[in-house]
Amino acid sequence: MDYIIRDVEEEDKEAVTAVFNYFVDNSFAAYPSTHVDESFYNRLRAIGAGFPFLVVEADGRGVIGFAQLRPHHPAD
């Protein structure tokens, strides 16, 4: 399987939200215990403005993951 890592685009909003919600449902990797909506994506973009925000695509499967750098905040 081939993977592509690229900068996030506005069209990725639904996919990034779906990936995050997968981990809400299936692991303890995500802090919220209920699904987030697409406003969560907007918040990620705002918090990490000026820092890399990437998605991973797999052959024929679309976006399967994302990663983001952002400034350190001691309360996070």
PDB file of N, CA and C in Angstrom:
ATOM      1  N   MET A   1       0.847  -1.168   0.000  1.00  0.00           N
ATOM      2  CA  MET A   1       0.000   0.000   0.000  1.00  0.00           C
ATOM      3  C   MET A   1       0.894   1.232   0.000  1.00  0.00           C
ATOM      4  N   ASP A   2       0.558   2.191  -0.843  1.00  0.00           N
ATOM      5  CA  ASP A   2       1.301   3.444  -0.901  1.00  0.00           C
ATOM      6  C   ASP A   2       0.609   4.496  -0.051  1.00  0.00           C
ATOM      7  N   TYR A   3       1.404   5.345   0.582  1.00  0.00           N
ATOM      8  CA  TYR A   3       0.890   6.410   1.432  1.00  0.00           C
ATOM      9  C   TYR A   3       1.382   7.751   0.919  1.00  0.00           C
ATOM     10  N   ILE A   4       0.566   8.764   1.106  1.00  0.00           N
ATOM     11  CA  ILE A   4       0.934  10.138   0.760  1.00  0.00           C
ATOM     12  C   ILE A   4       0.746  10.988   2.012  1.00  0.00           C
ATOM     13  N   ILE A   5       1.773  11.732   2.370  1.00  0.00           N
ATOM     14  CA  ILE A   5       1.687  12.684   3.477  1.00  0.00           C
ATOM     15  C   ILE A   5       1.692  14.074   2.852  1.00  0.00           C
ATOM     16  N   ARG A   6       0.687  14.863   3.215  1.00  0.00           N
ATOM     17  CA  ARG A   6       0.559  16.190   2.615  1.00  0.00           C
ATOM     18  C   ARG A   6      -0.039  17.167   3.620  1.00  0.00           C
ATOM     19  N   ASP A   7       0.048  18.446   3.292  1.00  0.00           N
ATOM     20  CA  ASP A   7      -0.580  19.476   4.123  1.00  0.00           C
ATOM     21  C   ASP A   7      -2.094  19.288   4.111  1.00  0.00           C
ATOM     22  N   VAL A   8      -2.702  19.558   5.244  1.00  0.00           N
ATOM     23  CA  VAL A   8      -4.157  19.480   5.349  1.00  0.00           C
ATOM     24  C   VAL A   8      -4.787  20.559   4.476  1.00  0.00           C
ATOM     25  N   GLU A   9      -5.973  20.261   3.965  1.00  0.00           N
ATOM     26  CA  GLU A   9      -6.746  21.213   3.175  1.00  0.00           C
ATOM     27  C   GLU A   9      -8.135  21.322   3.785  1.00  0.00           C
ATOM     28  N   GLU A  10      -8.836  22.376   3.476  1.00  0.00           N
ATOM     29  CA  GLU A  10     -10.176  22.594   4.026  1.00  0.00           C
ATOM     30  C   GLU A  10     -11.104  21.420   3.698  1.00  0.00           C
ATOM     31  N   GLU A  11     -10.902  20.794   2.546  1.00  0.00           N
ATOM     32  CA  GLU A  11     -11.724  19.652   2.141  1.00  0.00           C
ATOM     33  C   GLU A  11     -11.506  18.424   3.028  1.00  0.00           C
ATOM     34  N   ASP A  12     -10.475  18.439   3.872  1.00  0.00           N
ATOM     35  CA  ASP A  12     -10.170  17.314   4.761  1.00  0.00           C
ATOM     36  C   ASP A  12     -10.921  17.389   6.087  1.00  0.00           C
ATOM     37  N   LYS A  13     -11.708  18.423   6.283  1.00  0.00           N
ATOM     38  CA  LYS A  13     -12.378  18.662   7.561  1.00  0.00           C
ATOM     39  C   LYS A  13     -13.177  17.435   8.019  1.00  0.00           C
ATOM     40  N   GLU A  14     -14.009  16.895   7.154  1.00  0.00           N
ATOM     41  CA  GLU A  14     -14.842  15.745   7.517  1.00  0.00           C
ATOM     42  C   GLU A  14     -13.992  14.518   7.820  1.00  0.00           C
ATOM     43  N   ALA A  15     -12.963  14.270   7.017  1.00  0.00           N
ATOM     44  CA  ALA A  15     -12.110  13.101   7.210  1.00  0.00           C
ATOM     45  C   ALA A  15     -11.303  13.188   8.501  1.00  0.00           C
ATOM     46  N   VAL A  16     -10.739  14.354   8.799  1.00  0.00           N
ATOM     47  CA  VAL A  16      -9.974  14.529  10.042  1.00  0.00           C
ATOM     48  C   VAL A  16     -10.893  14.318  11.247  1.00  0.00           C
ATOM     49  N   THR A  17     -12.086  14.868  11.182  1.00  0.00           N
ATOM     50  CA  THR A  17     -13.047  14.692  12.267  1.00  0.00           C
ATOM     51  C   THR A  17     -13.405  13.221  12.433  1.00  0.00           C
ATOM     52  N   ALA A  18     -13.603  12.508  11.337  1.00  0.00           N
ATOM     53  CA  ALA A  18     -13.938  11.077  11.395  1.00  0.00           C
ATOM     54  C   ALA A  18     -12.795  10.255  11.989  1.00  0.00           C
ATOM     55  N   VAL A  19     -11.561  10.569  11.618  1.00  0.00           N
ATOM     56  CA  VAL A  19     -10.406   9.855  12.183  1.00  0.00           C
ATOM     57  C   VAL A  19     -10.355  10.081  13.692  1.00  0.00           C
ATOM     58  N   PHE A  20     -10.511  11.318  14.120  1.00  0.00           N
ATOM     59  CA  PHE A  20     -10.483  11.611  15.555  1.00  0.00           C
ATOM     60  C   PHE A  20     -11.599  10.858  16.276  1.00  0.00           C
ATOM     61  N   ASN A  21     -12.798  10.868  15.718  1.00  0.00           N
ATOM     62  CA  ASN A  21     -13.926  10.201  16.360  1.00  0.00           C
ATOM     63  C   ASN A  21     -13.761   8.687  16.410  1.00  0.00           C
ATOM     64  N   TYR A  22     -13.016   8.113  15.464  1.00  0.00           N
ATOM     65  CA  TYR A  22     -12.693   6.685  15.537  1.00  0.00           C
ATOM     66  C   TYR A  22     -11.977   6.388  16.851  1.00  0.00           C
ATOM     67  N   PHE A  23     -11.032   7.238  17.207  1.00  0.00           N
ATOM     68  CA  PHE A  23     -10.275   7.013  18.435  1.00  0.00           C
ATOM     69  C   PHE A  23     -11.083   7.353  19.685  1.00  0.00           C
ATOM     70  N   VAL A  24     -12.035   8.245  19.580  1.00  0.00           N
ATOM     71  CA  VAL A  24     -12.968   8.485  20.692  1.00  0.00           C
ATOM     72  C   VAL A  24     -13.732   7.189  20.984  1.00  0.00           C
ATOM     73  N   ASP A  25     -14.171   6.510  19.935  1.00  0.00           N
ATOM     74  CA  ASP A  25     -14.963   5.277  20.082  1.00  0.00           C
ATOM     75  C   ASP A  25     -14.151   4.054  20.462  1.00  0.00           C
ATOM     76  N   ASN A  26     -12.903   3.985  20.024  1.00  0.00           N
ATOM     77  CA  ASN A  26     -12.167   2.721  20.078  1.00  0.00           C
ATOM     78  C   ASN A  26     -10.901   2.712  20.918  1.00  0.00           C
ATOM     79  N   SER A  27     -10.588   3.799  21.604  1.00  0.00           N
ATOM     80  CA  SER A  27      -9.360   3.811  22.401  1.00  0.00           C
ATOM     81  C   SER A  27      -9.432   4.906  23.451  1.00  0.00           C
ATOM     82  N   PHE A  28      -8.368   5.002  24.208  1.00  0.00           N
ATOM     83  CA  PHE A  28      -8.236   6.091  25.175  1.00  0.00           C
ATOM     84  C   PHE A  28      -7.259   7.149  24.662  1.00  0.00           C
ATOM     85  N   ALA A  29      -6.906   7.092  23.387  1.00  0.00           N
ATOM     86  CA  ALA A  29      -5.951   8.038  22.804  1.00  0.00           C
ATOM     87  C   ALA A  29      -6.541   9.436  22.659  1.00  0.00           C
ATOM     88  N   ALA A  30      -7.855   9.533  22.587  1.00  0.00           N
ATOM     89  CA  ALA A  30      -8.524  10.833  22.463  1.00  0.00           C
ATOM     90  C   ALA A  30      -9.168  11.168  23.801  1.00  0.00           C
ATOM     91  N   TYR A  31      -8.945  12.375  24.269  1.00  0.00           N
ATOM     92  CA  TYR A  31      -9.447  12.765  25.586  1.00  0.00           C
ATOM     93  C   TYR A  31     -10.972  12.860  25.662  1.00  0.00           C
ATOM     94  N   PRO A  32     -11.660  13.449  24.680  1.00  0.00           N
ATOM     95  CA  PRO A  32     -13.121  13.525  24.803  1.00  0.00           C
ATOM     96  C   PRO A  32     -13.751  12.139  24.841  1.00  0.00           C
ATOM     97  N   SER A  33     -14.848  12.022  25.543  1.00  0.00           N
ATOM     98  CA  SER A  33     -15.547  10.725  25.607  1.00  0.00           C
ATOM     99  C   SER A  33     -16.737  10.682  24.665  1.00  0.00           C
ATOM    100  N   THR A  34     -17.027  11.787  23.991  1.00  0.00           N
ATOM    101  CA  THR A  34     -18.103  11.831  22.997  1.00  0.00           C
ATOM    102  C   THR A  34     -17.555  12.408  21.705  1.00  0.00           C
ATOM    103  N   HIS A  35     -18.265  12.125  20.624  1.00  0.00           N
ATOM    104  CA  HIS A  35     -17.820  12.599  19.315  1.00  0.00           C
ATOM    105  C   HIS A  35     -17.686  14.112  19.272  1.00  0.00           C
ATOM    106  N   VAL A  36     -16.730  14.557  18.460  1.00  0.00           N
ATOM    107  CA  VAL A  36     -16.573  15.979  18.184  1.00  0.00           C
ATOM    108  C   VAL A  36     -17.196  16.258  16.823  1.00  0.00           C
ATOM    109  N   ASP A  37     -17.548  17.512  16.587  1.00  0.00           N
ATOM    110  CA  ASP A  37     -18.069  17.873  15.271  1.00  0.00           C
ATOM    111  C   ASP A  37     -16.985  18.619  14.498  1.00  0.00           C
ATOM    112  N   GLU A  38     -17.344  19.103  13.329  1.00  0.00           N
ATOM    113  CA  GLU A  38     -16.331  19.719  12.474  1.00  0.00           C
ATOM    114  C   GLU A  38     -15.787  21.026  13.029  1.00  0.00           C
ATOM    115  N   SER A  39     -16.435  21.598  14.028  1.00  0.00           N
ATOM    116  CA  SER A  39     -15.869  22.796  14.660  1.00  0.00           C
ATOM    117  C   SER A  39     -14.564  22.444  15.381  1.00  0.00           C
ATOM    118  N   PHE A  40     -14.407  21.181  15.773  1.00  0.00           N
ATOM    119  CA  PHE A  40     -13.161  20.706  16.382  1.00  0.00           C
ATOM    120  C   PHE A  40     -11.994  20.892  15.399  1.00  0.00           C
ATOM    121  N   TYR A  41     -12.232  20.573  14.144  1.00  0.00           N
ATOM    122  CA  TYR A  41     -11.225  20.756  13.103  1.00  0.00           C
ATOM    123  C   TYR A  41     -10.817  22.233  13.019  1.00  0.00           C
ATOM    124  N   ASN A  42     -11.803  23.106  13.047  1.00  0.00           N
ATOM    125  CA  ASN A  42     -11.509  24.545  12.991  1.00  0.00           C
ATOM    126  C   ASN A  42     -10.661  24.974  14.181  1.00  0.00           C
ATOM    127  N   ARG A  43     -10.954  24.399  15.344  1.00  0.00           N
ATOM    128  CA  ARG A  43     -10.170  24.714  16.539  1.00  0.00           C
ATOM    129  C   ARG A  43      -8.730  24.227  16.391  1.00  0.00           C
ATOM    130  N   LEU A  44      -8.545  23.023  15.841  1.00  0.00           N
ATOM    131  CA  LEU A  44      -7.192  22.522  15.601  1.00  0.00           C
ATOM    132  C   LEU A  44      -6.426  23.461  14.682  1.00  0.00           C
ATOM    133  N   ARG A  45      -7.079  23.901  13.619  1.00  0.00           N
ATOM    134  CA  ARG A  45      -6.422  24.812  12.676  1.00  0.00           C
ATOM    135  C   ARG A  45      -6.025  26.111  13.355  1.00  0.00           C
ATOM    136  N   ALA A  46      -6.897  26.632  14.205  1.00  0.00           N
ATOM    137  CA  ALA A  46      -6.605  27.905  14.874  1.00  0.00           C
ATOM    138  C   ALA A  46      -5.479  27.759  15.892  1.00  0.00           C
ATOM    139  N   ILE A  47      -5.515  26.699  16.683  1.00  0.00           N
ATOM    140  CA  ILE A  47      -4.493  26.481  17.718  1.00  0.00           C
ATOM    141  C   ILE A  47      -3.114  26.300  17.089  1.00  0.00           C
ATOM    142  N   GLY A  48      -3.060  25.599  15.967  1.00  0.00           N
ATOM    143  CA  GLY A  48      -1.780  25.295  15.342  1.00  0.00           C
ATOM    144  C   GLY A  48      -1.410  26.205  14.198  1.00  0.00           C
ATOM    145  N   ALA A  49      -2.058  27.360  14.099  1.00  0.00           N
ATOM    146  CA  ALA A  49      -1.770  28.272  12.992  1.00  0.00           C
ATOM    147  C   ALA A  49      -0.272  28.564  12.916  1.00  0.00           C
ATOM    148  N   GLY A  50       0.272  28.399  11.733  1.00  0.00           N
ATOM    149  CA  GLY A  50       1.692  28.653  11.527  1.00  0.00           C
ATOM    150  C   GLY A  50       2.578  27.446  11.766  1.00  0.00           C
ATOM    151  N   PHE A  51       1.983  26.342  12.218  1.00  0.00           N
ATOM    152  CA  PHE A  51       2.720  25.101  12.463  1.00  0.00           C
ATOM    153  C   PHE A  51       2.216  24.029  11.498  1.00  0.00           C
ATOM    154  N   PRO A  52       3.013  22.980  11.234  1.00  0.00           N
ATOM    155  CA  PRO A  52       2.579  21.932  10.309  1.00  0.00           C
ATOM    156  C   PRO A  52       1.314  21.210  10.790  1.00  0.00           C
ATOM    157  N   PHE A  53       0.411  20.956   9.856  1.00  0.00           N
ATOM    158  CA  PHE A  53      -0.796  20.164  10.075  1.00  0.00           C
ATOM    159  C   PHE A  53      -0.902  19.287   8.834  1.00  0.00           C
ATOM    160  N   LEU A  54      -0.713  17.997   9.010  1.00  0.00           N
ATOM    161  CA  LEU A  54      -0.579  17.064   7.896  1.00  0.00           C
ATOM    162  C   LEU A  54      -1.640  15.977   7.951  1.00  0.00           C
ATOM    163  N   VAL A  55      -1.968  15.421   6.782  1.00  0.00           N
ATOM    164  CA  VAL A  55      -2.815  14.237   6.710  1.00  0.00           C
ATOM    165  C   VAL A  55      -2.059  13.144   5.974  1.00  0.00           C
ATOM    166  N   VAL A  56      -2.483  11.904   6.220  1.00  0.00           N
ATOM    167  CA  VAL A  56      -1.930  10.735   5.535  1.00  0.00           C
ATOM    168  C   VAL A  56      -3.052  10.116   4.722  1.00  0.00           C
ATOM    169  N   GLU A  57      -2.789   9.889   3.446  1.00  0.00           N
ATOM    170  CA  GLU A  57      -3.745   9.206   2.577  1.00  0.00           C
ATOM    171  C   GLU A  57      -3.188   7.846   2.199  1.00  0.00           C
ATOM    172  N   ALA A  58      -4.068   6.867   2.056  1.00  0.00           N
ATOM    173  CA  ALA A  58      -3.700   5.528   1.599  1.00  0.00           C
ATOM    174  C   ALA A  58      -4.415   5.256   0.284  1.00  0.00           C
ATOM    175  N   ASP A  59      -3.815   4.410  -0.530  1.00  0.00           N
ATOM    176  CA  ASP A  59      -4.404   4.062  -1.828  1.00  0.00           C
ATOM    177  C   ASP A  59      -5.884   3.769  -1.716  1.00  0.00           C
ATOM    178  N   GLY A  60      -6.694   4.566  -2.374  1.00  0.00           N
ATOM    179  CA  GLY A  60      -8.113   4.304  -2.470  1.00  0.00           C
ATOM    180  C   GLY A  60      -8.893   4.401  -1.177  1.00  0.00           C
ATOM    181  N   ARG A  61      -8.256   4.751  -0.075  1.00  0.00           N
ATOM    182  CA  ARG A  61      -8.956   4.825   1.208  1.00  0.00           C
ATOM    183  C   ARG A  61      -9.104   6.252   1.701  1.00  0.00           C
ATOM    184  N   GLY A  62      -8.531   7.199   1.016  1.00  0.00           N
ATOM    185  CA  GLY A  62      -8.613   8.591   1.452  1.00  0.00           C
ATOM    186  C   GLY A  62      -7.763   8.836   2.679  1.00  0.00           C
ATOM    187  N   VAL A  63      -8.147   9.818   3.470  1.00  0.00           N
ATOM    188  CA  VAL A  63      -7.395  10.211   4.657  1.00  0.00           C
ATOM    189  C   VAL A  63      -7.567   9.151   5.743  1.00  0.00           C
ATOM    190  N   ILE A  64      -6.437   8.642   6.239  1.00  0.00           N
ATOM    191  CA  ILE A  64      -6.487   7.624   7.297  1.00  0.00           C
ATOM    192  C   ILE A  64      -5.828   8.089   8.593  1.00  0.00           C
ATOM    193  N   GLY A  65      -5.257   9.287   8.579  1.00  0.00           N
ATOM    194  CA  GLY A  65      -4.624   9.798   9.788  1.00  0.00           C
ATOM    195  C   GLY A  65      -4.223  11.245   9.614  1.00  0.00           C
ATOM    196  N   PHE A  66      -3.866  11.868  10.725  1.00  0.00           N
ATOM    197  CA  PHE A  66      -3.397  13.250  10.678  1.00  0.00           C
ATOM    198  C   PHE A  66      -2.414  13.482  11.813  1.00  0.00           C
ATOM    199  N   ALA A  67      -1.627  14.542  11.667  1.00  0.00           N
ATOM    200  CA  ALA A  67      -0.661  14.932  12.696  1.00  0.00           C
ATOM    201  C   ALA A  67      -0.569  16.450  12.696  1.00  0.00           C
ATOM    202  N   GLN A  68      -0.286  16.985  13.873  1.00  0.00           N
ATOM    203  CA  GLN A  68      -0.214  18.436  13.990  1.00  0.00           C
ATOM    204  C   GLN A  68       0.830  18.813  15.033  1.00  0.00           C
ATOM    205  N   LEU A  69       1.579  19.848  14.727  1.00  0.00           N
ATOM    206  CA  LEU A  69       2.442  20.491  15.714  1.00  0.00           C
ATOM    207  C   LEU A  69       1.753  21.771  16.148  1.00  0.00           C
ATOM    208  N   ARG A  70       1.969  22.147  17.372  1.00  0.00           N
ATOM    209  CA  ARG A  70       1.419  23.412  17.879  1.00  0.00           C
ATOM    210  C   ARG A  70       2.269  23.872  19.043  1.00  0.00           C
ATOM    211  N   PRO A  71       2.110  25.117  19.439  1.00  0.00           N
ATOM    212  CA  PRO A  71       2.907  25.624  20.567  1.00  0.00           C
ATOM    213  C   PRO A  71       2.584  24.868  21.850  1.00  0.00           C
ATOM    214  N   HIS A  72       3.591  24.734  22.691  1.00  0.00           N
ATOM    215  CA  HIS A  72       3.389  24.090  23.991  1.00  0.00           C
ATOM    216  C   HIS A  72       2.569  25.002  24.895  1.00  0.00           C
ATOM    217  N   HIS A  73       1.641  24.393  25.595  1.00  0.00           N
ATOM    218  CA  HIS A  73       0.876  25.114  26.616  1.00  0.00           C
ATOM    219  C   HIS A  73       0.829  24.219  27.834  1.00  0.00           C
ATOM    220  N   PRO A  74       1.289  24.669  28.987  1.00  0.00           N
ATOM    221  CA  PRO A  74       1.399  23.805  30.164  1.00  0.00           C
ATOM    222  C   PRO A  74       0.070  23.234  30.651  1.00  0.00           C
ATOM    223  N   ALA A  75      -1.051  23.818  30.250  1.00  0.00           N
ATOM    224  CA  ALA A  75      -2.360  23.296  30.695  1.00  0.00           C
ATOM    225  C   ALA A  75      -2.910  22.248  29.735  1.00  0.00           C
ATOM    226  N   ASP A  76      -2.271  22.007  28.588  1.00  0.00           N
ATOM    227  CA  ASP A  76      -2.765  20.998  27.631  1.00  0.00           C
ATOM    228  C   ASP A  76      -2.553  19.614  28.149  1.00  0.00           C
TER     229      ASP A  76
END
